[in-house]
């Protein structure tokens, strides 16, 4: 898949995110990734809450993306969200 990493797709995740939203969110993002064939997905998280549910959702999105041969990179994350990701030890999992 060397050529795949050259293609990028962008999408936004909006909040608030509830636990009940997680399966549908993952399904929608997986659909975007499957259709795009992208190797990198830029995920705009501007405006989402810096809480455990958001970080859980983003970690699940990263896992789902990797199953599609893609890497999610966060865009426009608040300082609070970055700090929470770091605190939870997920900085390498959810890079900027």
Protein backbone atom coordinates (compact mmCIF):
# COMPACT_ATOMS: atom_id res chain seq x y z
CA UNK A 1 0.00 0.00 0.00
CA UNK A 2 2.81 2.51 -0.57
CA UNK A 3 0.68 4.85 -2.71
CA UNK A 4 -2.13 4.86 -0.21
CA UNK A 5 -0.26 6.97 2.34
CA UNK A 6 -0.17 9.83 -0.19
CA UNK A 7 -3.96 10.28 -0.14
CA UNK A 8 -5.55 12.25 2.72
CA UNK A 9 -9.16 12.69 3.76
CA UNK A 10 -10.52 15.20 6.26
CA UNK A 11 -13.61 15.07 8.45
CA UNK A 12 -14.88 16.72 11.62
CA UNK A 13 -16.20 15.23 14.82
CA UNK A 14 -18.66 17.44 16.64
CA UNK A 15 -19.83 17.27 20.21
CA UNK A 16 -21.14 16.61 22.59
CA UNK A 17 -20.29 12.93 22.19
CA UNK A 18 -22.22 10.46 24.31
CA UNK A 19 -21.32 6.81 24.83
CA UNK A 20 -24.40 5.82 22.85
CA UNK A 21 -22.98 7.76 19.86
CA UNK A 22 -19.79 5.68 19.61
CA UNK A 23 -20.97 2.80 17.38
CA UNK A 24 -22.63 5.12 14.86
CA UNK A 25 -19.65 7.47 14.84
CA UNK A 26 -17.26 4.61 14.13
CA UNK A 27 -19.53 3.27 11.39
CA UNK A 28 -19.75 6.67 9.67
CA UNK A 29 -15.99 7.26 9.82
CA UNK A 30 -15.24 3.73 8.57
CA UNK A 31 -17.56 4.37 5.63
CA UNK A 32 -15.67 7.58 4.78
CA UNK A 33 -12.33 5.79 5.04
CA UNK A 34 -13.44 2.82 2.94
CA UNK A 35 -14.78 5.11 0.19
CA UNK A 36 -11.76 7.40 0.19
CA UNK A 37 -8.98 4.82 0.31
CA UNK A 38 -6.96 7.40 2.27
CA UNK A 39 -3.81 6.59 4.18
CA UNK A 40 -4.19 9.60 6.47
CA UNK A 41 -7.39 11.03 7.96
CA UNK A 42 -7.33 14.54 9.40
CA UNK A 43 -9.92 14.67 12.17
CA UNK A 44 -11.03 18.17 13.17
CA UNK A 45 -11.99 18.06 16.84
CA UNK A 46 -12.60 21.77 17.31
CA UNK A 47 -15.35 22.23 19.85
CA UNK A 48 -15.54 18.70 21.27
CA UNK A 49 -15.38 18.34 25.03
CA UNK A 50 -12.14 17.34 26.71
CA UNK A 51 -13.59 14.35 28.54
CA UNK A 52 -13.15 10.59 28.78
CA UNK A 53 -15.96 9.85 26.32
CA UNK A 54 -14.35 12.02 23.65
CA UNK A 55 -10.94 10.41 24.15
CA UNK A 56 -12.58 6.96 24.05
CA UNK A 57 -14.32 7.88 20.79
CA UNK A 58 -11.09 9.15 19.23
CA UNK A 59 -9.13 6.07 20.31
CA UNK A 60 -11.84 3.84 18.81
CA UNK A 61 -11.71 5.85 15.59
CA UNK A 62 -7.95 5.38 15.44
CA UNK A 63 -8.32 1.63 15.92
CA UNK A 64 -11.00 1.42 13.22
CA UNK A 65 -8.90 3.56 10.87
CA UNK A 66 -5.87 1.32 11.32
CA UNK A 67 -8.02 -1.63 10.32
CA UNK A 68 -8.54 0.25 7.04
CA UNK A 69 -4.81 0.93 6.67
CA UNK A 70 -5.24 4.55 7.70
CA UNK A 71 -3.85 6.83 10.41
CA UNK A 72 -6.01 9.46 12.14
CA UNK A 73 -4.32 12.74 13.02
CA UNK A 74 -6.10 15.24 15.24
CA UNK A 75 -6.57 18.83 14.09
CA UNK A 76 -7.64 21.86 16.15
CA UNK A 77 -7.60 19.99 19.46
CA UNK A 78 -8.00 22.25 22.47
CA UNK A 79 -5.14 22.43 24.97
CA UNK A 80 -7.40 20.66 27.48
CA UNK A 81 -8.07 17.78 25.09
CA UNK A 82 -4.35 17.46 24.31
CA UNK A 83 -3.56 17.41 28.03
CA UNK A 84 -6.16 14.70 28.69
CA UNK A 85 -4.85 12.57 25.82
CA UNK A 86 -1.34 12.98 27.24
CA UNK A 87 -2.50 12.22 30.80
CA UNK A 88 -4.19 9.01 29.63
CA UNK A 89 -0.98 7.91 27.89
CA UNK A 90 -2.48 8.08 24.40
CA UNK A 91 -0.26 10.75 22.83
CA UNK A 92 1.29 8.23 20.44
CA UNK A 93 -2.14 6.77 19.61
CA UNK A 94 -3.77 10.15 18.90
CA UNK A 95 -1.11 12.34 17.27
CA UNK A 96 -1.60 15.89 16.01
